[in-house]
C-alpha atoms as a PDB file:
ATOM      1  CA  MET A   1     -14.506  33.997  92.958  1.00  0.00           C
ATOM      2  CA  TYR A   2     -15.254  31.485  95.185  1.00  0.00           C
ATOM      3  CA  GLY A   3     -17.174  31.416  98.412  1.00  0.00           C
ATOM      4  CA  ALA A   4     -17.217  29.232 102.126  1.00  0.00           C
ATOM      5  CA  GLY A   5     -18.004  26.116 101.578  1.00  0.00           C
ATOM      6  CA  ASP A   6     -17.974  25.992  97.598  1.00  0.00           C
ATOM      7  CA  GLU A   7     -15.793  22.787  96.136  1.00  0.00           C
ATOM      8  CA  VAL A   8     -12.360  22.661  93.955  1.00  0.00           C
ATOM      9  CA  ALA A   9     -10.209  20.217  92.823  1.00  0.00           C
ATOM     10  CA  GLY A  10     -11.532  18.264  95.998  1.00  0.00           C
ATOM     11  CA  TYR A  11     -10.353  21.066  98.014  1.00  0.00           C
ATOM     12  CA  VAL A  12     -13.629  22.285 100.442  1.00  0.00           C
ATOM     13  CA  ILE A  13     -13.118  26.490 100.503  1.00  0.00           C
ATOM     14  CA  ASP A  14     -12.994  27.788 104.194  1.00  0.00           C
ATOM     15  CA  SER A  15     -12.263  31.277 103.535  1.00  0.00           C
ATOM     16  CA  PHE A  16     -10.467  34.058 100.902  1.00  0.00           C
ATOM     17  CA  LEU A  17      -7.035  35.193 101.781  1.00  0.00           C
ATOM     18  CA  GLY A  18      -6.552  37.600  98.487  1.00  0.00           C
ATOM     19  CA  SER A  19      -5.741  38.390  95.395  1.00  0.00           C
ATOM     20  CA  GLY A  20      -3.462  39.975  92.545  1.00  0.00           C
ATOM     21  CA  SER A  21      -4.125  40.262  88.882  1.00  0.00           C
ATOM     22  CA  SER A  22      -4.530  36.598  87.870  1.00  0.00           C
ATOM     23  CA  ALA A  23      -5.126  34.370  90.747  1.00  0.00           C
ATOM     24  CA  GLU A  24      -6.640  34.169  93.891  1.00  0.00           C
ATOM     25  CA  VAL A  25      -5.416  32.449  96.958  1.00  0.00           C
ATOM     26  CA  TYR A  26      -7.677  30.188  99.593  1.00  0.00           C
ATOM     27  CA  ARG A  27      -7.620  28.711 102.616  1.00  0.00           C
ATOM     28  CA  ALA A  28      -9.139  25.583 101.698  1.00  0.00           C
ATOM     29  CA  ARG A  29      -8.999  21.627 103.791  1.00  0.00           C
ATOM     30  CA  HIS A  30      -8.792  18.412 100.810  1.00  0.00           C
ATOM     31  CA  ILE A  31     -11.869  16.181 101.555  1.00  0.00           C
ATOM     32  CA  GLY A  32     -11.056  13.735 103.614  1.00  0.00           C
ATOM     33  CA  GLU A  33      -8.194  15.160 105.532  1.00  0.00           C
ATOM     34  CA  PRO A  34      -7.293  16.742 107.994  1.00  0.00           C
ATOM     35  CA  GLY A  35      -4.969  20.944 107.469  1.00  0.00           C
ATOM     36  CA  SER A  36      -5.870  23.661 105.958  1.00  0.00           C
ATOM     37  CA  VAL A  37      -3.428  24.769 103.000  1.00  0.00           C
ATOM     38  CA  ALA A  38      -3.674  27.517 100.747  1.00  0.00           C
ATOM     39  CA  LEU A  39      -5.109  27.054  97.554  1.00  0.00           C
ATOM     40  CA  LYS A  40      -4.458  28.572  94.353  1.00  0.00           C
ATOM     41  CA  VAL A  41      -6.745  29.111  91.619  1.00  0.00           C
ATOM     42  CA  LEU A  42      -5.138  31.499  88.470  1.00  0.00           C
ATOM     43  CA  HIS A  43      -8.477  31.834  85.608  1.00  0.00           C
ATOM     44  CA  THR A  44      -6.134  32.406  81.952  1.00  0.00           C
ATOM     45  CA  ARG A  45      -7.819  34.152  79.403  1.00  0.00           C
ATOM     46  CA  PRO A  46      -6.671  32.807  75.827  1.00  0.00           C
ATOM     47  CA  SER A  47      -4.554  35.317  75.134  1.00  0.00           C
ATOM     48  CA  ASP A  48      -2.173  35.221  78.125  1.00  0.00           C
ATOM     49  CA  ARG A  49      -2.810  31.632  78.736  1.00  0.00           C
ATOM     50  CA  GLN A  50       0.482  29.824  77.917  1.00  0.00           C
ATOM     51  CA  ARG A  51       2.233  32.327  79.399  1.00  0.00           C
ATOM     52  CA  VAL A  52       0.220  31.589  82.639  1.00  0.00           C
ATOM     53  CA  ARG A  53       0.380  27.889  82.186  1.00  0.00           C
ATOM     54  CA  GLU A  54       3.444  27.930  81.772  1.00  0.00           C
ATOM     55  CA  ARG A  55       4.713  31.103  84.956  1.00  0.00           C
ATOM     56  CA  PHE A  56       2.839  28.359  87.277  1.00  0.00           C
ATOM     57  CA  GLU A  57       4.662  24.556  86.128  1.00  0.00           C
ATOM     58  CA  ARG A  58       7.470  26.543  86.866  1.00  0.00           C
ATOM     59  CA  GLU A  59       6.115  27.961  90.578  1.00  0.00           C
ATOM     60  CA  PHE A  60       5.173  24.800  91.641  1.00  0.00           C
ATOM     61  CA  THR A  61       8.312  22.456  90.233  1.00  0.00           C
ATOM     62  CA  ILE A  62      10.795  24.250  91.549  1.00  0.00           C
ATOM     63  CA  ALA A  63      10.065  25.157  94.490  1.00  0.00           C
ATOM     64  CA  SER A  64       9.354  21.249  94.599  1.00  0.00           C
ATOM     65  CA  LEU A  65      12.817  20.849  94.118  1.00  0.00           C
ATOM     66  CA  LEU A  66      13.358  22.901  98.102  1.00  0.00           C
ATOM     67  CA  ASP A  67      12.713  21.246 101.214  1.00  0.00           C
ATOM     68  CA  HIS A  68      13.167  23.686 103.695  1.00  0.00           C
ATOM     69  CA  PRO A  69      11.304  25.160 107.079  1.00  0.00           C
ATOM     70  CA  ASN A  70      11.360  28.264 105.964  1.00  0.00           C
ATOM     71  CA  ILE A  71      10.946  27.638 102.270  1.00  0.00           C
ATOM     72  CA  VAL A  72       6.631  27.114 100.878  1.00  0.00           C
ATOM     73  CA  ASP A  73       6.238  23.562 100.754  1.00  0.00           C
ATOM     74  CA  MET A  74       4.051  22.954  97.779  1.00  0.00           C
ATOM     75  CA  TYR A  75       1.619  20.011  97.542  1.00  0.00           C
ATOM     76  CA  ALA A  76      -0.166  19.425  94.273  1.00  0.00           C
ATOM     77  CA  ARG A  77      -1.404  20.738  91.105  1.00  0.00           C
ATOM     78  CA  GLY A  78      -4.139  20.874  88.603  1.00  0.00           C
ATOM     79  CA  GLU A  79      -6.886  22.021  86.210  1.00  0.00           C
ATOM     80  CA  ILE A  80     -10.307  21.575  86.568  1.00  0.00           C
ATOM     81  CA  ASP A  81     -12.194  19.515  84.080  1.00  0.00           C
ATOM     82  CA  PRO A  82     -14.197  22.471  81.879  1.00  0.00           C
ATOM     83  CA  THR A  83     -17.557  20.182  82.544  1.00  0.00           C
ATOM     84  CA  GLU A  84     -17.395  21.166  86.264  1.00  0.00           C
ATOM     85  CA  VAL A  85     -17.641  24.387  85.710  1.00  0.00           C
ATOM     86  CA  SER A  86     -20.504  26.509  84.539  1.00  0.00           C
ATOM     87  CA  ASP A  87     -20.652  27.734  80.727  1.00  0.00           C
ATOM     88  CA  GLU A  88     -19.698  31.298  81.978  1.00  0.00           C
ATOM     89  CA  THR A  89     -16.029  30.108  83.646  1.00  0.00           C
ATOM     90  CA  ARG A  90     -15.703  28.013  80.744  1.00  0.00           C
ATOM     91  CA  THR A  91     -15.978  30.107  78.704  1.00  0.00           C
ATOM     92  CA  ARG A  92     -14.297  33.373  80.316  1.00  0.00           C
ATOM     93  CA  ALA A  93     -11.508  30.704  81.330  1.00  0.00           C
ATOM     94  CA  THR A  94      -8.658  28.156  81.873  1.00  0.00           C
ATOM     95  CA  ILE A  95      -8.716  27.307  85.614  1.00  0.00           C
ATOM     96  CA  LEU A  96      -5.611  26.028  87.181  1.00  0.00           C
ATOM     97  CA  TRP A  97      -4.800  25.757  90.805  1.00  0.00           C
ATOM     98  CA  MET A  98      -1.803  24.917  93.151  1.00  0.00           C
ATOM     99  CA  ALA A  99      -2.050  23.654  96.819  1.00  0.00           C
ATOM    100  CA  MET A 100       0.568  24.913  99.125  1.00  0.00           C
ATOM    101  CA  GLU A 101       1.982  24.910 102.542  1.00  0.00           C
ATOM    102  CA  TYR A 102      -1.229  27.482 104.624  1.00  0.00           C
ATOM    103  CA  ILE A 103       0.901  29.615 107.217  1.00  0.00           C
ATOM    104  CA  ASP A 104      -1.286  31.221 110.166  1.00  0.00           C
ATOM    105  CA  GLY A 105       0.038  34.818 110.042  1.00  0.00           C
ATOM    106  CA  ARG A 106       0.800  38.138 108.095  1.00  0.00           C
ATOM    107  CA  PRO A 107       3.616  39.189 105.451  1.00  0.00           C
ATOM    108  CA  ALA A 108       6.460  40.215 106.037  1.00  0.00           C
ATOM    109  CA  ASN A 109       5.310  43.979 104.539  1.00  0.00           C
ATOM    110  CA  ASP A 110       2.719  44.671 107.795  1.00  0.00           C
ATOM    111  CA  LEU A 111       5.945  45.379 109.789  1.00  0.00           C
ATOM    112  CA  VAL A 112       7.016  48.191 107.319  1.00  0.00           C
ATOM    113  CA  GLY A 113       6.722  51.517 109.150  1.00  0.00           C
ATOM    114  CA  PRO A 114       8.365  55.007 110.166  1.00  0.00           C
ATOM    115  CA  HIS A 115       8.931  54.225 113.737  1.00  0.00           C
ATOM    116  CA  PRO A 116       9.526  49.452 114.018  1.00  0.00           C
ATOM    117  CA  THR A 117       8.837  48.599 118.547  1.00  0.00           C
ATOM    118  CA  GLU A 118      11.754  46.356 119.978  1.00  0.00           C
ATOM    119  CA  ASP A 119       9.204  43.563 119.011  1.00  0.00           C
ATOM    120  CA  ASP A 120       9.021  44.273 114.764  1.00  0.00           C
ATOM    121  CA  VAL A 121      13.072  44.757 115.355  1.00  0.00           C
ATOM    122  CA  GLU A 122      13.077  40.840 116.950  1.00  0.00           C
ATOM    123  CA  THR A 123      10.794  39.833 114.654  1.00  0.00           C
ATOM    124  CA  ILE A 124      12.482  41.803 112.025  1.00  0.00           C
ATOM    125  CA  VAL A 125      16.329  39.788 112.790  1.00  0.00           C
ATOM    126  CA  ALA A 126      14.177  36.901 112.874  1.00  0.00           C
ATOM    127  CA  ILE A 127      13.239  37.166 108.978  1.00  0.00           C
ATOM    128  CA  ALA A 128      16.111  38.222 107.990  1.00  0.00           C
ATOM    129  CA  THR A 129      18.324  35.005 109.062  1.00  0.00           C
ATOM    130  CA  GLN A 130      15.340  32.852 108.625  1.00  0.00           C
ATOM    131  CA  ILE A 131      15.233  33.944 105.065  1.00  0.00           C
ATOM    132  CA  GLY A 132      18.588  34.186 104.646  1.00  0.00           C
ATOM    133  CA  ALA A 133      19.297  30.986 105.408  1.00  0.00           C
ATOM    134  CA  ALA A 134      16.389  29.895 103.160  1.00  0.00           C
ATOM    135  CA  LEU A 135      18.017  31.389 100.086  1.00  0.00           C
ATOM    136  CA  ASP A 136      21.389  30.500 100.777  1.00  0.00           C
ATOM    137  CA  TYR A 137      19.756  26.686 100.801  1.00  0.00           C
ATOM    138  CA  ALA A 138      18.320  27.704  97.185  1.00  0.00           C
ATOM    139  CA  HIS A 139      21.051  28.592  95.823  1.00  0.00           C
ATOM    140  CA  ALA A 140      23.013  25.636  96.959  1.00  0.00           C
ATOM    141  CA  ALA A 141      20.103  23.601  95.491  1.00  0.00           C
ATOM    142  CA  GLU A 142      20.608  25.732  91.939  1.00  0.00           C
ATOM    143  CA  VAL A 143      17.846  27.256  92.621  1.00  0.00           C
ATOM    144  CA  LEU A 144      17.025  31.644  91.765  1.00  0.00           C
ATOM    145  CA  HIS A 145      14.051  33.010  93.604  1.00  0.00           C
ATOM    146  CA  ARG A 146      14.028  36.781  91.357  1.00  0.00           C
ATOM    147  CA  ASP A 147      10.965  38.220  93.209  1.00  0.00           C
ATOM    148  CA  VAL A 148      12.377  38.473  97.025  1.00  0.00           C
ATOM    149  CA  LYS A 149      10.381  41.554  98.798  1.00  0.00           C
ATOM    150  CA  PRO A 150       8.380  41.886 102.257  1.00  0.00           C
ATOM    151  CA  ALA A 151       5.338  40.661 100.509  1.00  0.00           C
ATOM    152  CA  ASN A 152       6.790  37.179  99.297  1.00  0.00           C
ATOM    153  CA  ILE A 153       7.934  36.800 102.929  1.00  0.00           C
ATOM    154  CA  MET A 154       4.823  34.603 105.220  1.00  0.00           C
ATOM    155  CA  VAL A 155       5.481  35.200 108.842  1.00  0.00           C
ATOM    156  CA  ALA A 156       4.092  32.630 111.134  1.00  0.00           C
ATOM    157  CA  THR A 157       1.341  33.609 114.344  1.00  0.00           C
ATOM    158  CA  GLY A 158       0.518  30.312 115.890  1.00  0.00           C
ATOM    159  CA  SER A 159       3.967  29.920 118.165  1.00  0.00           C
ATOM    160  CA  GLU A 160       5.893  32.256 120.927  1.00  0.00           C
ATOM    161  CA  ARG A 161       8.696  33.016 118.176  1.00  0.00           C
ATOM    162  CA  PRO A 162       8.177  34.257 114.636  1.00  0.00           C
ATOM    163  CA  ARG A 163       8.907  31.307 111.688  1.00  0.00           C
ATOM    164  CA  ALA A 164       9.024  33.364 108.295  1.00  0.00           C
ATOM    165  CA  VAL A 165       8.736  31.436 104.998  1.00  0.00           C
ATOM    166  CA  LEU A 166       9.153  32.234 102.035  1.00  0.00           C
ATOM    167  CA  THR A 167       6.665  31.879  99.389  1.00  0.00           C
ATOM    168  CA  ASP A 168       5.941  33.490  95.244  1.00  0.00           C
ATOM    169  CA  PHE A 169       7.810  30.999  93.094  1.00  0.00           C
ATOM    170  CA  GLY A 170       6.370  32.443  90.489  1.00  0.00           C
ATOM    171  CA  ILE A 171       9.511  33.916  88.324  1.00  0.00           C
ATOM    172  CA  ALA A 172      11.989  32.052  90.023  1.00  0.00           C
ATOM    173  CA  GLN A 173      14.389  30.076  87.843  1.00  0.00           C
ATOM    174  CA  LEU A 174      17.459  27.689  87.897  1.00  0.00           C
ATOM    175  CA  LEU A 175      20.688  29.315  87.924  1.00  0.00           C
ATOM    176  CA  ASP A 176      21.933  27.560  85.134  1.00  0.00           C
ATOM    177  CA  ASP A 177      19.659  29.078  82.623  1.00  0.00           C
ATOM    178  CA  ALA A 178      19.926  33.255  85.158  1.00  0.00           C
ATOM    179  CA  ARG A 179      19.032  35.042  81.330  1.00  0.00           C
ATOM    180  CA  PRO A 180      17.851  38.325  82.601  1.00  0.00           C
ATOM    181  CA  LEU A 181      14.466  39.157  84.245  1.00  0.00           C
ATOM    182  CA  ALA A 182      13.516  41.281  80.551  1.00  0.00           C
ATOM    183  CA  ARG A 183      10.621  40.197  78.394  1.00  0.00           C
ATOM    184  CA  ASN A 184       9.919  42.502  75.209  1.00  0.00           C
ATOM    185  CA  GLY A 185      11.569  45.410  76.768  1.00  0.00           C
ATOM    186  CA  ARG A 186       9.986  44.950  79.907  1.00  0.00           C
ATOM    187  CA  VAL A 187      11.558  43.871  83.751  1.00  0.00           C
ATOM    188  CA  GLN A 188       9.891  41.083  85.465  1.00  0.00           C
ATOM    189  CA  GLY A 189       9.842  40.997  89.383  1.00  0.00           C
ATOM    190  CA  SER A 190       9.222  44.552  91.929  1.00  0.00           C
ATOM    191  CA  ILE A 191      11.726  46.679  90.543  1.00  0.00           C
ATOM    192  CA  ALA A 192      11.810  48.864  93.839  1.00  0.00           C
ATOM    193  CA  TYR A 193      14.252  45.895  94.634  1.00  0.00           C
ATOM    194  CA  ALA A 194      15.234  45.204  91.085  1.00  0.00           C
ATOM    195  CA  ALA A 195      19.167  44.745  90.961  1.00  0.00           C
ATOM    196  CA  PRO A 196      21.188  46.680  88.400  1.00  0.00           C
ATOM    197  CA  GLU A 197      22.206  43.304  86.396  1.00  0.00           C
ATOM    198  CA  LEU A 198      18.690  42.178  86.304  1.00  0.00           C
ATOM    199  CA  LEU A 199      17.618  46.045  85.293  1.00  0.00           C
ATOM    200  CA  THR A 200      20.193  46.168  82.911  1.00  0.00           C
ATOM    201  CA  ALA A 201      19.591  42.441  81.093  1.00  0.00           C
ATOM    202  CA  GLN A 202      23.556  41.271  82.407  1.00  0.00           C
ATOM    203  CA  ARG A 203      23.530  37.338  84.163  1.00  0.00           C
ATOM    204  CA  LEU A 204      21.776  37.037  87.195  1.00  0.00           C
ATOM    205  CA  SER A 205      23.592  35.166  90.239  1.00  0.00           C
ATOM    206  CA  ALA A 206      22.374  34.751  93.293  1.00  0.00           C
ATOM    207  CA  ALA A 207      23.722  37.761  94.845  1.00  0.00           C
ATOM    208  CA  THR A 208      20.773  39.311  92.745  1.00  0.00           C
ATOM    209  CA  ASP A 209      18.946  37.754  95.698  1.00  0.00           C
ATOM    210  CA  GLN A 210      20.856  39.013  98.481  1.00  0.00           C
ATOM    211  CA  TYR A 211      20.369  42.293  96.772  1.00  0.00           C
ATOM    212  CA  ALA A 212      16.701  42.413  96.361  1.00  0.00           C
ATOM    213  CA  PHE A 213      16.624  41.122 100.073  1.00  0.00           C
ATOM    214  CA  ALA A 214      18.495  43.419 101.257  1.00  0.00           C
ATOM    215  CA  ALA A 215      16.494  45.705  99.829  1.00  0.00           C
ATOM    216  CA  GLY A 216      13.342  44.261 101.201  1.00  0.00           C
ATOM    217  CA  LEU A 217      15.455  44.267 104.462  1.00  0.00           C
ATOM    218  CA  PHE A 218      16.300  48.791 104.285  1.00  0.00           C
ATOM    219  CA  GLU A 219      12.379  48.757 103.758  1.00  0.00           C
ATOM    220  CA  LEU A 220      11.790  47.112 107.185  1.00  0.00           C
ATOM    221  CA  PHE A 221      14.299  49.048 109.607  1.00  0.00           C
ATOM    222  CA  THR A 222      13.345  52.838 107.625  1.00  0.00           C
ATOM    223  CA  GLY A 223       9.837  51.950 106.499  1.00  0.00           C
ATOM    224  CA  GLU A 224      11.047  52.568 102.879  1.00  0.00           C
ATOM    225  CA  PRO A 225      12.979  50.743  99.862  1.00  0.00           C
ATOM    226  CA  PRO A 226      16.525  51.723  99.343  1.00  0.00           C
ATOM    227  CA  PHE A 227      15.396  54.486  96.135  1.00  0.00           C
ATOM    228  CA  PRO A 228      11.775  55.822  96.875  1.00  0.00           C
ATOM    229  CA  ARG A 229      11.592  57.385  93.328  1.00  0.00           C
ATOM    230  CA  ALA A 230       8.502  59.208  92.129  1.00  0.00           C
ATOM    231  CA  THR A 231       8.925  56.475  88.511  1.00  0.00           C
ATOM    232  CA  ALA A 232       9.657  53.639  87.865  1.00  0.00           C
ATOM    233  CA  PHE A 233      12.619  55.321  85.495  1.00  0.00           C
ATOM    234  CA  ALA A 234      14.232  57.126  88.203  1.00  0.00           C
ATOM    235  CA  ILE A 235      14.336  54.049  90.551  1.00  0.00           C
ATOM    236  CA  THR A 236      16.126  52.398  87.629  1.00  0.00           C
ATOM    237  CA  TYR A 237      18.776  54.623  87.663  1.00  0.00           C
ATOM    238  CA  ALA A 238      18.566  55.145  91.345  1.00  0.00           C
ATOM    239  CA  HIS A 239      19.734  51.047  91.299  1.00  0.00           C
ATOM    240  CA  LEU A 240      22.114  51.840  88.907  1.00  0.00           C
ATOM    241  CA  HIS A 241      23.659  54.962  89.690  1.00  0.00           C
ATOM    242  CA  ASP A 242      23.462  56.470  92.669  1.00  0.00           C
ATOM    243  CA  PRO A 243      24.401  55.988  96.359  1.00  0.00           C
ATOM    244  CA  VAL A 244      22.883  53.525  98.626  1.00  0.00           C
ATOM    245  CA  PRO A 245      21.576  56.074 101.620  1.00  0.00           C
ATOM    246  CA  ARG A 246      22.498  55.702 105.216  1.00  0.00           C
ATOM    247  CA  LEU A 247      20.209  53.976 107.486  1.00  0.00           C
ATOM    248  CA  THR A 248      20.996  56.171 109.980  1.00  0.00           C
ATOM    249  CA  LYS A 249      19.740  58.846 108.217  1.00  0.00           C
ATOM    250  CA  ALA A 250      15.976  57.597 108.677  1.00  0.00           C
ATOM    251  CA  GLN A 251      16.501  55.873 112.201  1.00  0.00           C
ATOM    252  CA  PRO A 252      19.184  57.845 114.149  1.00  0.00           C
ATOM    253  CA  TRP A 253      19.597  55.145 116.957  1.00  0.00           C
ATOM    254  CA  LEU A 254      20.558  52.411 115.115  1.00  0.00           C
ATOM    255  CA  PRO A 255      24.738  51.312 114.976  1.00  0.00           C
ATOM    256  CA  SER A 256      26.450  53.135 112.043  1.00  0.00           C
ATOM    257  CA  SER A 257      28.358  50.144 110.968  1.00  0.00           C
ATOM    258  CA  LEU A 258      24.840  49.160 109.673  1.00  0.00           C
ATOM    259  CA  ASN A 259      25.450  51.546 107.026  1.00  0.00           C
ATOM    260  CA  SER A 260      28.659  50.030 104.717  1.00  0.00           C
ATOM    261  CA  VAL A 261      27.026  46.087 106.431  1.00  0.00           C
ATOM    262  CA  PHE A 262      24.186  47.849 103.488  1.00  0.00           C
ATOM    263  CA  ALA A 263      26.128  49.784 101.001  1.00  0.00           C
ATOM    264  CA  LYS A 264      27.691  45.992 100.802  1.00  0.00           C
ATOM    265  CA  ALA A 265      24.967  43.640 100.470  1.00  0.00           C
ATOM    266  CA  LEU A 266      23.363  46.657  98.083  1.00  0.00           C
ATOM    267  CA  ALA A 267      26.296  47.545  95.434  1.00  0.00           C
ATOM    268  CA  LYS A 268      26.078  47.881  91.876  1.00  0.00           C
ATOM    269  CA  ASN A 269      28.537  45.484  90.956  1.00  0.00           C
ATOM    270  CA  PRO A 270      27.382  41.952  92.515  1.00  0.00           C
ATOM    271  CA  ALA A 271      30.680  40.699  93.407  1.00  0.00           C
ATOM    272  CA  ASP A 272      31.138  42.976  95.746  1.00  0.00           C
ATOM    273  CA  ARG A 273      27.951  42.017  97.637  1.00  0.00           C
ATOM    274  CA  TYR A 274      28.876  38.626 100.270  1.00  0.00           C
ATOM    275  CA  GLU A 275      29.103  35.704  99.199  1.00  0.00           C
ATOM    276  CA  THR A 276      26.730  34.489 101.238  1.00  0.00           C
ATOM    277  CA  CYS A 277      22.862  36.071 102.683  1.00  0.00           C
ATOM    278  CA  ALA A 278      23.919  34.299 106.391  1.00  0.00           C
ATOM    279  CA  GLU A 279      26.852  36.313 106.428  1.00  0.00           C
ATOM    280  CA  PHE A 280      25.174  39.253 105.835  1.00  0.00           C
ATOM    281  CA  THR A 281      22.336  38.867 108.105  1.00  0.00           C
ATOM    282  CA  ASP A 282      24.712  37.688 111.066  1.00  0.00           C
ATOM    283  CA  ILE A 283      26.306  40.631 110.934  1.00  0.00           C
ATOM    284  CA  ILE A 284      22.889  42.787 111.511  1.00  0.00           C
ATOM    285  CA  ARG A 285      21.754  40.336 113.984  1.00  0.00           C
ATOM    286  CA  ARG A 286      25.542  40.931 115.942  1.00  0.00           C
ATOM    287  CA  ALA A 287      25.186  44.597 115.752  1.00  0.00           C
ATOM    288  CA  LEU A 288      22.338  45.503 116.787  1.00  0.00           C
ATOM    289  CA  GLN A 289      22.511  42.812 119.821  1.00  0.00           C
ATOM    290  CA  ASP A 290      21.484  45.162 122.990  1.00  0.00           C
ATOM    291  CA  VAL A 291      21.262  47.916 120.749  1.00  0.00           C
ATOM    292  CA  PRO A 292      17.951  49.737 122.418  1.00  0.00           C
ATOM    293  CA  VAL A 293      15.097  51.020 120.236  1.00  0.00           C
ATOM    294  CA  PRO A 294      13.901  54.298 121.172  1.00  0.00           C
ATOM    295  CA  THR A 295       9.949  53.697 121.916  1.00  0.00           C
ATOM    296  CA  PRO A 296       7.235  54.900 119.852  1.00  0.00           C
ATOM    297  CA  SER A 297       4.138  56.772 120.951  1.00  0.00           C
ATOM    298  CA  ARG A 298       2.099  54.389 119.318  1.00  0.00           C
ATOM    299  CA  ARG A 299       2.644  50.529 118.731  1.00  0.00           C
ATOM    300  CA  ARG A 300       1.323  47.853 117.157  1.00  0.00           C
ATOM    301  CA  TRP A 301       1.403  44.227 118.689  1.00  0.00           C
ATOM    302  CA  TRP A 302       1.873  41.726 116.753  1.00  0.00           C
ATOM    303  CA  PRO A 303       0.790  37.980 118.108  1.00  0.00           C
ATOM    304  CA  TRP A 304       4.565  37.117 119.360  1.00  0.00           C
ATOM    305  CA  ALA A 305       4.933  40.458 120.953  1.00  0.00           C
ATOM    306  CA  ARG A 306       5.221  41.175 124.768  1.00  0.00           C
ATOM    307  CA  GLN A 307       2.251  42.573 125.765  1.00  0.00           C
ATOM    308  CA  PRO A 308       2.019  45.924 128.274  1.00  0.00           C
ATOM    309  CA  ALA A 309       2.188  45.937 132.064  1.00  0.00           C
ATOM    310  CA  GLY A 310      -1.020  46.373 134.162  1.00  0.00           C
END
């Protein structure tokens, strides 16, 4: 792990942002240039070097095809010369890096809670509208994201209104290569948001992303994804066979019309879902206009939320 002030591939590390199974993400700045970037650094072990490299290259290449205000911008990528790192690091891993847009904000899953506030709901509607537009743009460009979920949506806090940005194109693919996500019997992606056709190794389409998107929005509104179960097998079975739960069971104040809206977006058959994500989110936006949101006893304040009077 790198610390503040360390230099990596021409970038100076400012702070550590987070990590996954094989990657670390830092806020950094390019030497001699203003502004911050998000620097993703991957340490690959010999046993998985080729697989990780392929995913890394796919993430950068496919995301670079897209130019949309609600899709993360990609800047540069490379591999650290083994002579630039210590003997210990060199023997342990090959180091790949990727520089991308830095989003000053928080992941959308920070909004997940049992009792959304009025400001939360306004933010969720903004996220839905913006990410729906981003997905439709990606689909028009023949790109499937394949891992749409709240954790892969960053919400920028640098302005009065939220800006949602779709990130992590690590398992994205082109529509003309829309093979299922199964790899050696395992599903790539997040099973809580996985469409039935993904789980049954059928051909994927834009409707597959719409299903995952709807499952993530369901979680933002209710506090849980559509099919919270104790095991992966039970979650899979529910995606394939169980009816979509009613949002109003968890949040009685929500318009009952949203139950059928989400049932359509989460239909088992891809052909039964909405034509576009924008069609889906526009109905959500209109349904929630002028709907009063109960005030919980304890509020969570985002930077753009209205402050209490006093």
